[in-house]
Amino acid sequence: PDVAPSDPRKDAPVSTASEQPPTAEDLPTLRLPQQ
């Protein structure tokens, strides 16, 4: 619990000024099985 998990946004490419970030409505919904 003392080690923060890695942030995926740090590994993703940086968007240029002309690109618009996707909204929540545009991203696909991922449903994972729960234990």
ModelCIF file with pLDDT and N, C-alpha, C, O atoms, coordinates in Angstrom:
data_MODEL
#
_entry.id   MODEL 
#
_entity.id                         1 
_entity.type                       polymer 
_entity.pdbx_number_of_molecules   1 
#
_entity_poly.entity_id                      1 
_entity_poly.type                           'polypeptide(L)' 
_entity_poly.nstd_linkage                   no 
_entity_poly.nstd_monomer                   no 
_entity_poly.pdbx_seq_one_letter_code       PDVAPSDPRKDAPVSTASEQPPTAEDLPTLRLPQQ 
_entity_poly.pdbx_seq_one_letter_code_can   PDVAPSDPRKDAPVSTASEQPPTAEDLPTLRLPQQ 
_entity_poly.pdbx_strand_id                 A 
#
loop_
_entity_poly_seq.entity_id 
_entity_poly_seq.num 
_entity_poly_seq.mon_id 
_entity_poly_seq.hetero 
1 1  PRO n 
1 2  ASP n 
1 3  VAL n 
1 4  ALA n 
1 5  PRO n 
1 6  SER n 
1 7  ASP n 
1 8  PRO n 
1 9  ARG n 
1 10 LYS n 
1 11 ASP n 
1 12 ALA n 
1 13 PRO n 
1 14 VAL n 
1 15 SER n 
1 16 THR n 
1 17 ALA n 
1 18 SER n 
1 19 GLU n 
1 20 GLN n 
1 21 PRO n 
1 22 PRO n 
1 23 THR n 
1 24 ALA n 
1 25 GLU n 
1 26 ASP n 
1 27 LEU n 
1 28 PRO n 
1 29 THR n 
1 30 LEU n 
1 31 ARG n 
1 32 LEU n 
1 33 PRO n 
1 34 GLN n 
1 35 GLN n 
#
_struct_asym.id          A 
_struct_asym.entity_id   1 
#
loop_
_ma_qa_metric.id 
_ma_qa_metric.mode 
_ma_qa_metric.name 
_ma_qa_metric.software_group_id 
_ma_qa_metric.type 
1 global pLDDT . pLDDT 
2 local  pLDDT . pLDDT 
#
_ma_qa_metric_global.metric_id      1 
_ma_qa_metric_global.metric_value   42.14 
_ma_qa_metric_global.model_id       1 
_ma_qa_metric_global.ordinal_id     1 
#
loop_
_ma_qa_metric_local.label_asym_id 
_ma_qa_metric_local.label_comp_id 
_ma_qa_metric_local.label_seq_id 
_ma_qa_metric_local.metric_id 
_ma_qa_metric_local.metric_value 
_ma_qa_metric_local.model_id 
_ma_qa_metric_local.ordinal_id 
A PRO 1  2 44.00 1 1  
A ASP 2  2 45.00 1 2  
A VAL 3  2 43.00 1 3  
A ALA 4  2 44.00 1 4  
A PRO 5  2 45.00 1 5  
A SER 6  2 45.00 1 6  
A ASP 7  2 45.00 1 7  
A PRO 8  2 41.00 1 8  
A ARG 9  2 40.00 1 9  
A LYS 10 2 41.00 1 10 
A ASP 11 2 44.00 1 11 
A ALA 12 2 42.00 1 12 
A PRO 13 2 42.00 1 13 
A VAL 14 2 41.00 1 14 
A SER 15 2 41.00 1 15 
A THR 16 2 39.00 1 16 
A ALA 17 2 37.00 1 17 
A SER 18 2 39.00 1 18 
A GLU 19 2 42.00 1 19 
A GLN 20 2 47.00 1 20 
A PRO 21 2 44.00 1 21 
A PRO 22 2 43.00 1 22 
A THR 23 2 44.00 1 23 
A ALA 24 2 41.00 1 24 
A GLU 25 2 43.00 1 25 
A ASP 26 2 43.00 1 26 
A LEU 27 2 40.00 1 27 
A PRO 28 2 42.00 1 28 
A THR 29 2 41.00 1 29 
A LEU 30 2 38.00 1 30 
A ARG 31 2 41.00 1 31 
A LEU 32 2 40.00 1 32 
A PRO 33 2 41.00 1 33 
A GLN 34 2 45.00 1 34 
A GLN 35 2 42.00 1 35 
#
loop_
_atom_site.group_PDB 
_atom_site.id 
_atom_site.type_symbol 
_atom_site.label_atom_id 
_atom_site.label_alt_id 
_atom_site.label_comp_id 
_atom_site.label_asym_id 
_atom_site.label_entity_id 
_atom_site.label_seq_id 
_atom_site.pdbx_PDB_ins_code 
_atom_site.Cartn_x 
_atom_site.Cartn_y 
_atom_site.Cartn_z 
_atom_site.occupancy 
_atom_site.B_iso_or_equiv 
_atom_site.pdbx_formal_charge 
_atom_site.auth_seq_id 
_atom_site.auth_comp_id 
_atom_site.auth_asym_id 
_atom_site.auth_atom_id 
_atom_site.pdbx_PDB_model_num 
ATOM 1   N N  . PRO A 1 1  ? 0.817   -1.224  0.000   1.00 44.00 ? 1  PRO A N  1 
ATOM 2   C CA . PRO A 1 1  ? 0.000   0.000   0.000   1.00 44.00 ? 1  PRO A CA 1 
ATOM 3   C C  . PRO A 1 1  ? 0.827   1.240   0.000   1.00 44.00 ? 1  PRO A C  1 
ATOM 4   O O  . PRO A 1 1  ? 0.295   2.317   -0.270  1.00 44.00 ? 1  PRO A O  1 
ATOM 5   N N  . ASP A 1 2  ? 2.110   1.157   0.289   1.00 45.00 ? 2  ASP A N  1 
ATOM 6   C CA . ASP A 1 2  ? 2.948   2.366   0.300   1.00 45.00 ? 2  ASP A CA 1 
ATOM 7   C C  . ASP A 1 2  ? 3.497   2.696   -1.082  1.00 45.00 ? 2  ASP A C  1 
ATOM 8   O O  . ASP A 1 2  ? 4.111   3.750   -1.248  1.00 45.00 ? 2  ASP A O  1 
ATOM 9   N N  . VAL A 1 3  ? 3.301   1.834   -2.083  1.00 43.00 ? 3  VAL A N  1 
ATOM 10  C CA . VAL A 1 3  ? 3.838   2.068   -3.437  1.00 43.00 ? 3  VAL A CA 1 
ATOM 11  C C  . VAL A 1 3  ? 2.675   2.352   -4.360  1.00 43.00 ? 3  VAL A C  1 
ATOM 12  O O  . VAL A 1 3  ? 1.800   1.506   -4.544  1.00 43.00 ? 3  VAL A O  1 
ATOM 13  N N  . ALA A 1 4  ? 2.661   3.552   -4.949  1.00 44.00 ? 4  ALA A N  1 
ATOM 14  C CA . ALA A 1 4  ? 1.561   3.941   -5.863  1.00 44.00 ? 4  ALA A CA 1 
ATOM 15  C C  . ALA A 1 4  ? 1.666   3.190   -7.164  1.00 44.00 ? 4  ALA A C  1 
ATOM 16  O O  . ALA A 1 4  ? 2.757   3.005   -7.702  1.00 44.00 ? 4  ALA A O  1 
ATOM 17  N N  . PRO A 1 5  ? 0.535   2.760   -7.667  1.00 45.00 ? 5  PRO A N  1 
ATOM 18  C CA . PRO A 1 5  ? 0.573   2.077   -8.978  1.00 45.00 ? 5  PRO A CA 1 
ATOM 19  C C  . PRO A 1 5  ? 0.981   3.043   -10.077 1.00 45.00 ? 5  PRO A C  1 
ATOM 20  O O  . PRO A 1 5  ? 0.798   4.252   -9.938  1.00 45.00 ? 5  PRO A O  1 
ATOM 21  N N  . SER A 1 6  ? 1.531   2.525   -11.164 1.00 45.00 ? 6  SER A N  1 
ATOM 22  C CA . SER A 1 6  ? 1.999   3.383   -12.280 1.00 45.00 ? 6  SER A CA 1 
ATOM 23  C C  . SER A 1 6  ? 0.806   4.051   -12.962 1.00 45.00 ? 6  SER A C  1 
ATOM 24  O O  . SER A 1 6  ? -0.255  3.439   -13.082 1.00 45.00 ? 6  SER A O  1 
ATOM 25  N N  . ASP A 1 7  ? 0.968   5.330   -13.422 1.00 45.00 ? 7  ASP A N  1 
ATOM 26  C CA . ASP A 1 7  ? -0.097  6.120   -14.125 1.00 45.00 ? 7  ASP A CA 1 
ATOM 27  C C  . ASP A 1 7  ? 0.035   5.878   -15.617 1.00 45.00 ? 7  ASP A C  1 
ATOM 28  O O  . ASP A 1 7  ? 1.055   6.209   -16.220 1.00 45.00 ? 7  ASP A O  1 
ATOM 29  N N  . PRO A 1 8  ? -1.004  5.297   -16.214 1.00 41.00 ? 8  PRO A N  1 
ATOM 30  C CA . PRO A 1 8  ? -0.897  5.024   -17.665 1.00 41.00 ? 8  PRO A CA 1 
ATOM 31  C C  . PRO A 1 8  ? -0.693  6.285   -18.458 1.00 41.00 ? 8  PRO A C  1 
ATOM 32  O O  . PRO A 1 8  ? -0.059  6.224   -19.512 1.00 41.00 ? 8  PRO A O  1 
ATOM 33  N N  . ARG A 1 9  ? -1.194  7.439   -18.019 1.00 40.00 ? 9  ARG A N  1 
ATOM 34  C CA . ARG A 1 9  ? -1.076  8.665   -18.818 1.00 40.00 ? 9  ARG A CA 1 
ATOM 35  C C  . ARG A 1 9  ? 0.364   9.091   -18.965 1.00 40.00 ? 9  ARG A C  1 
ATOM 36  O O  . ARG A 1 9  ? 0.716   9.792   -19.914 1.00 40.00 ? 9  ARG A O  1 
ATOM 37  N N  . LYS A 1 10 ? 1.237   8.655   -17.994 1.00 41.00 ? 10 LYS A N  1 
ATOM 38  C CA . LYS A 1 10 ? 2.642   9.018   -18.127 1.00 41.00 ? 10 LYS A CA 1 
ATOM 39  C C  . LYS A 1 10 ? 3.312   8.261   -19.237 1.00 41.00 ? 10 LYS A C  1 
ATOM 40  O O  . LYS A 1 10 ? 4.284   8.740   -19.821 1.00 41.00 ? 10 LYS A O  1 
ATOM 41  N N  . ASP A 1 11 ? 2.806   7.081   -19.538 1.00 44.00 ? 11 ASP A N  1 
ATOM 42  C CA . ASP A 1 11 ? 3.409   6.287   -20.614 1.00 44.00 ? 11 ASP A CA 1 
ATOM 43  C C  . ASP A 1 11 ? 2.793   6.578   -21.973 1.00 44.00 ? 11 ASP A C  1 
ATOM 44  O O  . ASP A 1 11 ? 3.346   6.177   -22.996 1.00 44.00 ? 11 ASP A O  1 
ATOM 45  N N  . ALA A 1 12 ? 1.612   7.296   -22.004 1.00 42.00 ? 12 ALA A N  1 
ATOM 46  C CA . ALA A 1 12 ? 0.928   7.538   -23.293 1.00 42.00 ? 12 ALA A CA 1 
ATOM 47  C C  . ALA A 1 12 ? 1.593   8.692   -24.013 1.00 42.00 ? 12 ALA A C  1 
ATOM 48  O O  . ALA A 1 12 ? 2.192   9.558   -23.375 1.00 42.00 ? 12 ALA A O  1 
ATOM 49  N N  . PRO A 1 13 ? 1.498   8.718   -25.335 1.00 42.00 ? 13 PRO A N  1 
ATOM 50  C CA . PRO A 1 13 ? 2.068   9.849   -26.111 1.00 42.00 ? 13 PRO A CA 1 
ATOM 51  C C  . PRO A 1 13 ? 1.367   11.122  -25.731 1.00 42.00 ? 13 PRO A C  1 
ATOM 52  O O  . PRO A 1 13 ? 0.198   11.115  -25.346 1.00 42.00 ? 13 PRO A O  1 
ATOM 53  N N  . VAL A 1 14 ? 2.099   12.231  -25.842 1.00 41.00 ? 14 VAL A N  1 
ATOM 54  C CA . VAL A 1 14 ? 1.543   13.549  -25.519 1.00 41.00 ? 14 VAL A CA 1 
ATOM 55  C C  . VAL A 1 14 ? 0.808   14.084  -26.728 1.00 41.00 ? 14 VAL A C  1 
ATOM 56  O O  . VAL A 1 14 ? 1.362   14.109  -27.827 1.00 41.00 ? 14 VAL A O  1 
ATOM 57  N N  . SER A 1 15 ? -0.463  14.523  -26.543 1.00 41.00 ? 15 SER A N  1 
ATOM 58  C CA . SER A 1 15 ? -1.257  15.052  -27.658 1.00 41.00 ? 15 SER A CA 1 
ATOM 59  C C  . SER A 1 15 ? -0.734  16.403  -28.086 1.00 41.00 ? 15 SER A C  1 
ATOM 60  O O  . SER A 1 15 ? -0.250  17.184  -27.266 1.00 41.00 ? 15 SER A O  1 
ATOM 61  N N  . THR A 1 16 ? -0.837  16.686  -29.421 1.00 39.00 ? 16 THR A N  1 
ATOM 62  C CA . THR A 1 16 ? -0.443  18.005  -29.941 1.00 39.00 ? 16 THR A CA 1 
ATOM 63  C C  . THR A 1 16 ? -1.549  18.974  -29.645 1.00 39.00 ? 16 THR A C  1 
ATOM 64  O O  . THR A 1 16 ? -2.648  18.596  -29.239 1.00 39.00 ? 16 THR A O  1 
ATOM 65  N N  . ALA A 1 17 ? -1.235  20.257  -29.860 1.00 37.00 ? 17 ALA A N  1 
ATOM 66  C CA . ALA A 1 17 ? -2.224  21.299  -29.543 1.00 37.00 ? 17 ALA A CA 1 
ATOM 67  C C  . ALA A 1 17 ? -3.442  21.202  -30.426 1.00 37.00 ? 17 ALA A C  1 
ATOM 68  O O  . ALA A 1 17 ? -4.525  21.633  -30.028 1.00 37.00 ? 17 ALA A O  1 
ATOM 69  N N  . SER A 1 18 ? -3.293  20.638  -31.636 1.00 39.00 ? 18 SER A N  1 
ATOM 70  C CA . SER A 1 18 ? -4.431  20.595  -32.564 1.00 39.00 ? 18 SER A CA 1 
ATOM 71  C C  . SER A 1 18 ? -5.358  19.439  -32.289 1.00 39.00 ? 18 SER A C  1 
ATOM 72  O O  . SER A 1 18 ? -6.468  19.409  -32.821 1.00 39.00 ? 18 SER A O  1 
ATOM 73  N N  . GLU A 1 19 ? -4.925  18.443  -31.441 1.00 42.00 ? 19 GLU A N  1 
ATOM 74  C CA . GLU A 1 19 ? -5.759  17.284  -31.191 1.00 42.00 ? 19 GLU A CA 1 
ATOM 75  C C  . GLU A 1 19 ? -6.669  17.565  -30.011 1.00 42.00 ? 19 GLU A C  1 
ATOM 76  O O  . GLU A 1 19 ? -6.271  18.228  -29.053 1.00 42.00 ? 19 GLU A O  1 
ATOM 77  N N  . GLN A 1 20 ? -7.895  17.060  -30.082 1.00 47.00 ? 20 GLN A N  1 
ATOM 78  C CA . GLN A 1 20 ? -8.850  17.226  -29.008 1.00 47.00 ? 20 GLN A CA 1 
ATOM 79  C C  . GLN A 1 20 ? -8.886  15.935  -28.196 1.00 47.00 ? 20 GLN A C  1 
ATOM 80  O O  . GLN A 1 20 ? -9.022  14.857  -28.774 1.00 47.00 ? 20 GLN A O  1 
ATOM 81  N N  . PRO A 1 21 ? -8.764  16.017  -26.854 1.00 44.00 ? 21 PRO A N  1 
ATOM 82  C CA . PRO A 1 21 ? -8.807  14.799  -26.028 1.00 44.00 ? 21 PRO A CA 1 
ATOM 83  C C  . PRO A 1 21 ? -10.183 14.178  -26.086 1.00 44.00 ? 21 PRO A C  1 
ATOM 84  O O  . PRO A 1 21 ? -11.180 14.901  -26.093 1.00 44.00 ? 21 PRO A O  1 
ATOM 85  N N  . PRO A 1 22 ? -10.271 12.855  -26.128 1.00 43.00 ? 22 PRO A N  1 
ATOM 86  C CA . PRO A 1 22 ? -11.571 12.191  -26.198 1.00 43.00 ? 22 PRO A CA 1 
ATOM 87  C C  . PRO A 1 22 ? -12.325 12.401  -24.903 1.00 43.00 ? 22 PRO A C  1 
ATOM 88  O O  . PRO A 1 22 ? -11.756 12.468  -23.814 1.00 43.00 ? 22 PRO A O  1 
ATOM 89  N N  . THR A 1 23 ? -13.642 12.503  -25.074 1.00 44.00 ? 23 THR A N  1 
ATOM 90  C CA . THR A 1 23 ? -14.499 12.621  -23.901 1.00 44.00 ? 23 THR A CA 1 
ATOM 91  C C  . THR A 1 23 ? -14.880 11.239  -23.407 1.00 44.00 ? 23 THR A C  1 
ATOM 92  O O  . THR A 1 23 ? -14.598 10.238  -24.066 1.00 44.00 ? 23 THR A O  1 
ATOM 93  N N  . ALA A 1 24 ? -15.531 11.182  -22.231 1.00 41.00 ? 24 ALA A N  1 
ATOM 94  C CA . ALA A 1 24 ? -15.947 9.885   -21.658 1.00 41.00 ? 24 ALA A CA 1 
ATOM 95  C C  . ALA A 1 24 ? -16.932 9.191   -22.551 1.00 41.00 ? 24 ALA A C  1 
ATOM 96  O O  . ALA A 1 24 ? -16.961 7.964   -22.642 1.00 41.00 ? 24 ALA A O  1 
ATOM 97  N N  . GLU A 1 25 ? -17.770 10.016  -23.232 1.00 43.00 ? 25 GLU A N  1 
ATOM 98  C CA . GLU A 1 25 ? -18.763 9.384   -24.117 1.00 43.00 ? 25 GLU A CA 1 
ATOM 99  C C  . GLU A 1 25 ? -18.121 8.714   -25.308 1.00 43.00 ? 25 GLU A C  1 
ATOM 100 O O  . GLU A 1 25 ? -18.650 7.741   -25.845 1.00 43.00 ? 25 GLU A O  1 
ATOM 101 N N  . ASP A 1 26 ? -16.920 9.263   -25.742 1.00 43.00 ? 26 ASP A N  1 
ATOM 102 C CA . ASP A 1 26 ? -16.273 8.717   -26.940 1.00 43.00 ? 26 ASP A CA 1 
ATOM 103 C C  . ASP A 1 26 ? -15.518 7.420   -26.650 1.00 43.00 ? 26 ASP A C  1 
ATOM 104 O O  . ASP A 1 26 ? -15.332 6.613   -27.561 1.00 43.00 ? 26 ASP A O  1 
ATOM 105 N N  . LEU A 1 27 ? -15.060 7.185   -25.362 1.00 40.00 ? 27 LEU A N  1 
ATOM 106 C CA . LEU A 1 27 ? -14.230 6.028   -25.055 1.00 40.00 ? 27 LEU A CA 1 
ATOM 107 C C  . LEU A 1 27 ? -15.083 4.780   -24.881 1.00 40.00 ? 27 LEU A C  1 
ATOM 108 O O  . LEU A 1 27 ? -16.210 4.867   -24.393 1.00 40.00 ? 27 LEU A O  1 
ATOM 109 N N  . PRO A 1 28 ? -14.560 3.614   -25.274 1.00 42.00 ? 28 PRO A N  1 
ATOM 110 C CA . PRO A 1 28 ? -15.319 2.367   -25.100 1.00 42.00 ? 28 PRO A CA 1 
ATOM 111 C C  . PRO A 1 28 ? -15.380 1.989   -23.617 1.00 42.00 ? 28 PRO A C  1 
ATOM 112 O O  . PRO A 1 28 ? -14.439 2.205   -22.853 1.00 42.00 ? 28 PRO A O  1 
ATOM 113 N N  . THR A 1 29 ? -16.504 1.427   -23.253 1.00 41.00 ? 29 THR A N  1 
ATOM 114 C CA . THR A 1 29 ? -16.694 0.975   -21.856 1.00 41.00 ? 29 THR A CA 1 
ATOM 115 C C  . THR A 1 29 ? -16.136 -0.442  -21.688 1.00 41.00 ? 29 THR A C  1 
ATOM 116 O O  . THR A 1 29 ? -16.520 -1.334  -22.444 1.00 41.00 ? 29 THR A O  1 
ATOM 117 N N  . LEU A 1 30 ? -15.209 -0.684  -20.685 1.00 38.00 ? 30 LEU A N  1 
ATOM 118 C CA . LEU A 1 30 ? -14.605 -1.989  -20.448 1.00 38.00 ? 30 LEU A CA 1 
ATOM 119 C C  . LEU A 1 30 ? -15.208 -2.586  -19.173 1.00 38.00 ? 30 LEU A C  1 
ATOM 120 O O  . LEU A 1 30 ? -15.096 -2.011  -18.091 1.00 38.00 ? 30 LEU A O  1 
ATOM 121 N N  . ARG A 1 31 ? -15.821 -3.701  -19.316 1.00 41.00 ? 31 ARG A N  1 
ATOM 122 C CA . ARG A 1 31 ? -16.416 -4.366  -18.146 1.00 41.00 ? 31 ARG A CA 1 
ATOM 123 C C  . ARG A 1 31 ? -15.512 -5.560  -17.765 1.00 41.00 ? 31 ARG A C  1 
ATOM 124 O O  . ARG A 1 31 ? -15.392 -6.494  -18.557 1.00 41.00 ? 31 ARG A O  1 
ATOM 125 N N  . LEU A 1 32 ? -14.833 -5.559  -16.502 1.00 40.00 ? 32 LEU A N  1 
ATOM 126 C CA . LEU A 1 32 ? -13.919 -6.606  -16.040 1.00 40.00 ? 32 LEU A CA 1 
ATOM 127 C C  . LEU A 1 32 ? -14.626 -7.483  -14.995 1.00 40.00 ? 32 LEU A C  1 
ATOM 128 O O  . LEU A 1 32 ? -15.457 -6.994  -14.229 1.00 40.00 ? 32 LEU A O  1 
ATOM 129 N N  . PRO A 1 33 ? -14.302 -8.734  -14.972 1.00 41.00 ? 33 PRO A N  1 
ATOM 130 C CA . PRO A 1 33 ? -14.944 -9.626  -13.984 1.00 41.00 ? 33 PRO A CA 1 
ATOM 131 C C  . PRO A 1 33 ? -14.461 -9.300  -12.565 1.00 41.00 ? 33 PRO A C  1 
ATOM 132 O O  . PRO A 1 33 ? -13.276 -9.048  -12.344 1.00 41.00 ? 33 PRO A O  1 
ATOM 133 N N  . GLN A 1 34 ? -15.391 -9.310  -11.615 1.00 45.00 ? 34 GLN A N  1 
ATOM 134 C CA . GLN A 1 34 ? -15.039 -9.018  -10.215 1.00 45.00 ? 34 GLN A CA 1 
ATOM 135 C C  . GLN A 1 34 ? -14.907 -10.350 -9.397  1.00 45.00 ? 34 GLN A C  1 
ATOM 136 O O  . GLN A 1 34 ? -15.633 -11.319 -9.621  1.00 45.00 ? 34 GLN A O  1 
ATOM 137 N N  . GLN A 1 35 ? -13.941 -10.336 -8.443  1.00 42.00 ? 35 GLN A N  1 
ATOM 138 C CA . GLN A 1 35 ? -13.749 -11.521 -7.591  1.00 42.00 ? 35 GLN A CA 1 
ATOM 139 C C  . GLN A 1 35 ? -14.578 -11.394 -6.302  1.00 42.00 ? 35 GLN A C  1 
ATOM 140 O O  . GLN A 1 35 ? -14.549 -12.291 -5.459  1.00 42.00 ? 35 GLN A O  1 
#
